[in-house]
Amino acid sequence: MTQLKVTQVKSAIGTKPNQRQTLRSLGLKKINDSVVQEDRPEIRGMVATVPHLVTVEEV
């Protein structure tokens, strides 16, 4: 199964609470933090919630 590398590129300051919680659920805490997640619909949905704060690459 493919994996996704998700990197936070913008700050969560000033965003809605559900967007901050989504970043935490993905495992992102600071700018330039990266995590590798399985490519599943749940993860894609979380990324779709915060597309302006993260970048996504297929690994």
N, C-alpha and C. Protein backbone atom coordinates (compact mmCIF):
# COMPACT_ATOMS: atom_id res chain seq x y z
N MET A 1 0.85 -1.18 0.00
CA MET A 1 0.00 0.00 0.00
C MET A 1 0.89 1.24 0.00
N THR A 2 0.45 2.26 -0.70
CA THR A 2 1.25 3.49 -0.78
C THR A 2 1.15 4.25 0.53
N GLN A 3 2.11 5.13 0.71
CA GLN A 3 2.14 5.96 1.90
C GLN A 3 2.20 7.42 1.49
N LEU A 4 1.74 8.27 2.38
CA LEU A 4 1.73 9.70 2.15
C LEU A 4 2.64 10.39 3.16
N LYS A 5 3.47 11.30 2.67
CA LYS A 5 4.28 12.13 3.56
C LYS A 5 3.57 13.47 3.68
N VAL A 6 3.11 13.78 4.87
CA VAL A 6 2.36 15.00 5.12
C VAL A 6 3.26 15.95 5.90
N THR A 7 3.42 17.17 5.39
CA THR A 7 4.29 18.17 6.01
C THR A 7 3.48 19.43 6.30
N GLN A 8 3.59 19.94 7.52
CA GLN A 8 2.91 21.18 7.87
C GLN A 8 3.75 22.34 7.36
N VAL A 9 3.16 23.24 6.58
CA VAL A 9 3.91 24.35 6.00
C VAL A 9 3.45 25.72 6.52
N LYS A 10 2.31 25.77 7.20
CA LYS A 10 1.83 27.03 7.76
C LYS A 10 1.42 26.82 9.19
N SER A 11 1.37 27.89 9.95
CA SER A 11 1.00 27.84 11.35
C SER A 11 -0.50 27.61 11.52
N ALA A 12 -0.84 26.98 12.63
CA ALA A 12 -2.25 26.74 12.94
C ALA A 12 -2.85 27.87 13.77
N ILE A 13 -2.04 28.88 14.08
CA ILE A 13 -2.54 30.02 14.86
C ILE A 13 -3.61 30.74 14.05
N GLY A 14 -4.74 30.99 14.67
CA GLY A 14 -5.83 31.71 14.01
C GLY A 14 -6.75 30.83 13.20
N THR A 15 -6.50 29.53 13.16
CA THR A 15 -7.39 28.63 12.42
C THR A 15 -8.51 28.15 13.34
N LYS A 16 -9.48 27.50 12.75
CA LYS A 16 -10.61 26.99 13.52
C LYS A 16 -10.16 25.82 14.40
N PRO A 17 -10.84 25.60 15.52
CA PRO A 17 -10.45 24.51 16.42
C PRO A 17 -10.43 23.14 15.77
N ASN A 18 -11.38 22.87 14.86
CA ASN A 18 -11.38 21.55 14.23
C ASN A 18 -10.16 21.37 13.32
N GLN A 19 -9.64 22.44 12.75
CA GLN A 19 -8.44 22.33 11.92
C GLN A 19 -7.21 22.08 12.78
N ARG A 20 -7.13 22.72 13.95
CA ARG A 20 -6.02 22.46 14.86
C ARG A 20 -6.05 21.02 15.36
N GLN A 21 -7.24 20.51 15.66
CA GLN A 21 -7.38 19.13 16.11
C GLN A 21 -7.01 18.15 15.01
N THR A 22 -7.33 18.49 13.78
CA THR A 22 -6.98 17.63 12.65
C THR A 22 -5.47 17.53 12.50
N LEU A 23 -4.77 18.65 12.63
CA LEU A 23 -3.31 18.62 12.56
C LEU A 23 -2.74 17.74 13.66
N ARG A 24 -3.27 17.84 14.87
CA ARG A 24 -2.81 17.00 15.98
C ARG A 24 -3.08 15.53 15.69
N SER A 25 -4.24 15.23 15.12
CA SER A 25 -4.59 13.84 14.81
C SER A 25 -3.65 13.26 13.75
N LEU A 26 -3.19 14.10 12.86
CA LEU A 26 -2.23 13.66 11.85
C LEU A 26 -0.83 13.47 12.46
N GLY A 27 -0.60 14.06 13.63
CA GLY A 27 0.70 13.93 14.28
C GLY A 27 1.60 15.13 14.04
N LEU A 28 1.03 16.24 13.60
CA LEU A 28 1.81 17.43 13.30
C LEU A 28 1.68 18.44 14.43
N LYS A 29 2.83 18.98 14.87
CA LYS A 29 2.83 19.92 15.99
C LYS A 29 3.41 21.28 15.62
N LYS A 30 4.41 21.30 14.74
CA LYS A 30 5.10 22.55 14.40
C LYS A 30 5.21 22.68 12.88
N ILE A 31 5.58 23.87 12.44
CA ILE A 31 5.86 24.08 11.03
C ILE A 31 7.07 23.24 10.65
N ASN A 32 7.02 22.65 9.49
CA ASN A 32 8.04 21.76 8.92
C ASN A 32 8.09 20.39 9.58
N ASP A 33 7.13 20.06 10.43
CA ASP A 33 7.01 18.68 10.92
C ASP A 33 6.48 17.82 9.79
N SER A 34 6.99 16.60 9.68
CA SER A 34 6.54 15.67 8.66
C SER A 34 6.18 14.34 9.31
N VAL A 35 5.15 13.70 8.78
CA VAL A 35 4.78 12.36 9.21
C VAL A 35 4.48 11.54 7.97
N VAL A 36 4.69 10.24 8.08
CA VAL A 36 4.35 9.33 7.00
C VAL A 36 3.15 8.51 7.46
N GLN A 37 2.07 8.57 6.69
CA GLN A 37 0.83 7.88 7.02
C GLN A 37 0.46 6.95 5.87
N GLU A 38 -0.30 5.92 6.18
CA GLU A 38 -0.85 5.04 5.14
C GLU A 38 -1.85 5.84 4.30
N ASP A 39 -1.92 5.52 3.03
CA ASP A 39 -2.87 6.19 2.13
C ASP A 39 -4.23 5.53 2.28
N ARG A 40 -5.01 6.07 3.23
CA ARG A 40 -6.35 5.55 3.50
C ARG A 40 -7.35 6.68 3.36
N PRO A 41 -8.62 6.35 3.17
CA PRO A 41 -9.63 7.41 3.04
C PRO A 41 -9.71 8.33 4.26
N GLU A 42 -9.47 7.78 5.46
CA GLU A 42 -9.52 8.61 6.66
C GLU A 42 -8.43 9.68 6.63
N ILE A 43 -7.24 9.30 6.23
CA ILE A 43 -6.13 10.24 6.17
C ILE A 43 -6.36 11.26 5.07
N ARG A 44 -6.85 10.80 3.92
CA ARG A 44 -7.16 11.74 2.82
C ARG A 44 -8.20 12.76 3.26
N GLY A 45 -9.18 12.34 4.05
CA GLY A 45 -10.20 13.26 4.55
C GLY A 45 -9.62 14.29 5.49
N MET A 46 -8.70 13.85 6.35
CA MET A 46 -8.05 14.80 7.27
C MET A 46 -7.23 15.81 6.49
N VAL A 47 -6.51 15.35 5.48
CA VAL A 47 -5.70 16.25 4.65
C VAL A 47 -6.61 17.23 3.90
N ALA A 48 -7.77 16.77 3.48
CA ALA A 48 -8.71 17.64 2.77
C ALA A 48 -9.27 18.73 3.67
N THR A 49 -9.25 18.50 4.98
CA THR A 49 -9.73 19.50 5.93
C THR A 49 -8.76 20.66 6.08
N VAL A 50 -7.46 20.39 5.91
CA VAL A 50 -6.43 21.43 6.12
C VAL A 50 -5.49 21.55 4.92
N PRO A 51 -6.00 21.64 3.68
CA PRO A 51 -5.09 21.67 2.53
C PRO A 51 -4.24 22.92 2.47
N HIS A 52 -4.69 24.01 3.09
CA HIS A 52 -3.93 25.25 3.06
C HIS A 52 -2.80 25.27 4.09
N LEU A 53 -2.75 24.27 4.97
CA LEU A 53 -1.71 24.22 6.00
C LEU A 53 -0.67 23.14 5.77
N VAL A 54 -0.92 22.21 4.84
CA VAL A 54 -0.03 21.07 4.66
C VAL A 54 0.29 20.86 3.18
N THR A 55 1.38 20.14 2.95
CA THR A 55 1.68 19.62 1.62
C THR A 55 1.73 18.11 1.72
N VAL A 56 1.39 17.42 0.63
CA VAL A 56 1.31 15.97 0.63
C VAL A 56 2.13 15.43 -0.53
N GLU A 57 2.95 14.41 -0.24
CA GLU A 57 3.73 13.72 -1.27
C GLU A 57 3.49 12.23 -1.13
N GLU A 58 3.48 11.51 -2.25
CA GLU A 58 3.39 10.06 -2.18
C GLU A 58 4.80 9.50 -2.02
N VAL A 59 4.94 8.57 -1.08
CA VAL A 59 6.25 7.96 -0.81
C VAL A 59 6.27 6.56 -1.40
